[in-house]
Amino acid sequence: AVEFVNLWAEETLIEVVLTLEILFLLYYEPFHRCSAKRWKNLCSLFK
């Protein structure tokens, strides 16, 4: 059971990191327009 908890925690962490990287790229990518208001909205959805 401990192995499953460790795997679940690891997968959850990977998903969180990927989501944050996508949000970061959405904000800083020059081809996408993401205002500070939109950034705040996306981050609040992430919570």
N, C-alpha and C. Protein backbone atom coordinates (compact mmCIF):
# COMPACT_ATOMS: atom_id res chain seq x y z
N ALA A 1 0.82 -1.20 0.00
CA ALA A 1 0.00 0.00 0.00
C ALA A 1 0.86 1.26 0.00
N VAL A 2 2.02 1.17 0.66
CA VAL A 2 2.91 2.33 0.72
C VAL A 2 3.44 2.67 -0.67
N GLU A 3 3.70 1.64 -1.47
CA GLU A 3 4.20 1.88 -2.84
C GLU A 3 3.18 2.65 -3.66
N PHE A 4 1.91 2.31 -3.50
CA PHE A 4 0.86 3.01 -4.25
C PHE A 4 0.76 4.46 -3.83
N VAL A 5 0.91 4.72 -2.55
CA VAL A 5 0.87 6.10 -2.06
C VAL A 5 2.05 6.88 -2.62
N ASN A 6 3.21 6.28 -2.64
CA ASN A 6 4.39 6.95 -3.20
C ASN A 6 4.22 7.23 -4.69
N LEU A 7 3.70 6.26 -5.43
CA LEU A 7 3.46 6.45 -6.86
C LEU A 7 2.43 7.55 -7.10
N TRP A 8 1.37 7.55 -6.31
CA TRP A 8 0.32 8.56 -6.44
C TRP A 8 0.89 9.95 -6.16
N ALA A 9 1.69 10.07 -5.10
CA ALA A 9 2.28 11.37 -4.75
C ALA A 9 3.23 11.84 -5.85
N GLU A 10 4.00 10.94 -6.40
CA GLU A 10 4.93 11.29 -7.47
C GLU A 10 4.18 11.76 -8.72
N GLU A 11 3.14 11.04 -9.10
CA GLU A 11 2.35 11.42 -10.28
C GLU A 11 1.64 12.76 -10.07
N THR A 12 1.15 12.98 -8.87
CA THR A 12 0.50 14.25 -8.56
C THR A 12 1.48 15.40 -8.67
N LEU A 13 2.68 15.21 -8.17
CA LEU A 13 3.72 16.24 -8.25
C LEU A 13 4.09 16.53 -9.70
N ILE A 14 4.20 15.50 -10.51
CA ILE A 14 4.51 15.69 -11.93
C ILE A 14 3.41 16.49 -12.61
N GLU A 15 2.16 16.17 -12.31
CA GLU A 15 1.03 16.91 -12.91
C GLU A 15 1.04 18.38 -12.49
N VAL A 16 1.35 18.64 -11.23
CA VAL A 16 1.40 20.02 -10.74
C VAL A 16 2.50 20.79 -11.45
N VAL A 17 3.67 20.20 -11.56
CA VAL A 17 4.80 20.86 -12.23
C VAL A 17 4.46 21.14 -13.69
N LEU A 18 3.88 20.18 -14.38
CA LEU A 18 3.52 20.38 -15.78
C LEU A 18 2.48 21.49 -15.94
N THR A 19 1.51 21.51 -15.06
CA THR A 19 0.49 22.56 -15.12
C THR A 19 1.11 23.93 -14.90
N LEU A 20 1.99 24.05 -13.93
CA LEU A 20 2.66 25.33 -13.69
C LEU A 20 3.55 25.74 -14.86
N GLU A 21 4.22 24.78 -15.48
CA GLU A 21 5.04 25.09 -16.65
C GLU A 21 4.17 25.60 -17.81
N ILE A 22 3.02 24.99 -18.01
CA ILE A 22 2.11 25.44 -19.07
C ILE A 22 1.61 26.85 -18.78
N LEU A 23 1.23 27.12 -17.54
CA LEU A 23 0.80 28.47 -17.18
C LEU A 23 1.91 29.48 -17.40
N PHE A 24 3.13 29.12 -17.02
CA PHE A 24 4.27 30.01 -17.21
C PHE A 24 4.49 30.30 -18.69
N LEU A 25 4.43 29.27 -19.52
CA LEU A 25 4.62 29.47 -20.96
C LEU A 25 3.50 30.29 -21.57
N LEU A 26 2.28 30.09 -21.09
CA LEU A 26 1.16 30.90 -21.59
C LEU A 26 1.39 32.38 -21.31
N TYR A 27 1.98 32.67 -20.18
CA TYR A 27 2.19 34.06 -19.79
C TYR A 27 3.38 34.68 -20.52
N TYR A 28 4.47 33.94 -20.66
CA TYR A 28 5.70 34.51 -21.19
C TYR A 28 5.95 34.26 -22.67
N GLU A 29 5.21 33.37 -23.30
CA GLU A 29 5.39 33.11 -24.73
C GLU A 29 5.00 34.35 -25.52
N PRO A 30 5.89 34.84 -26.39
CA PRO A 30 5.58 36.08 -27.12
C PRO A 30 4.42 35.94 -28.11
N PHE A 31 4.12 34.73 -28.54
CA PHE A 31 3.05 34.53 -29.52
C PHE A 31 1.67 34.50 -28.88
N HIS A 32 1.64 34.36 -27.56
CA HIS A 32 0.36 34.33 -26.85
C HIS A 32 0.23 35.59 -26.02
N ARG A 33 -0.95 36.15 -26.03
CA ARG A 33 -1.20 37.34 -25.22
C ARG A 33 -1.93 36.90 -23.96
N CYS A 34 -1.27 37.06 -22.84
CA CYS A 34 -1.87 36.71 -21.56
C CYS A 34 -1.63 37.87 -20.61
N SER A 35 -2.68 38.57 -20.29
CA SER A 35 -2.56 39.73 -19.41
C SER A 35 -2.39 39.27 -17.96
N ALA A 36 -2.03 40.20 -17.12
CA ALA A 36 -1.87 39.89 -15.70
C ALA A 36 -3.20 39.43 -15.11
N LYS A 37 -4.30 40.02 -15.58
CA LYS A 37 -5.62 39.63 -15.08
C LYS A 37 -5.92 38.18 -15.46
N ARG A 38 -5.60 37.82 -16.70
CA ARG A 38 -5.83 36.44 -17.17
C ARG A 38 -4.94 35.48 -16.40
N TRP A 39 -3.68 35.87 -16.17
CA TRP A 39 -2.73 35.06 -15.41
C TRP A 39 -3.28 34.77 -14.01
N LYS A 40 -3.81 35.81 -13.37
CA LYS A 40 -4.38 35.66 -12.04
C LYS A 40 -5.57 34.70 -12.07
N ASN A 41 -6.39 34.82 -13.10
CA ASN A 41 -7.56 33.96 -13.25
C ASN A 41 -7.13 32.50 -13.44
N LEU A 42 -6.15 32.26 -14.28
CA LEU A 42 -5.66 30.90 -14.51
C LEU A 42 -5.08 30.29 -13.23
N CYS A 43 -4.33 31.10 -12.50
CA CYS A 43 -3.74 30.61 -11.25
C CYS A 43 -4.80 30.31 -10.20
N SER A 44 -5.85 31.12 -10.17
CA SER A 44 -6.92 30.85 -9.21
C SER A 44 -7.66 29.56 -9.57
N LEU A 45 -7.77 29.26 -10.86
CA LEU A 45 -8.37 27.99 -11.27
C LEU A 45 -7.50 26.81 -10.86
N PHE A 46 -6.19 27.02 -10.85
CA PHE A 46 -5.26 25.97 -10.47
C PHE A 46 -5.40 25.60 -9.00
N LYS A 47 -5.73 26.58 -8.17
CA LYS A 47 -5.89 26.32 -6.74
C LYS A 47 -6.88 25.20 -6.54
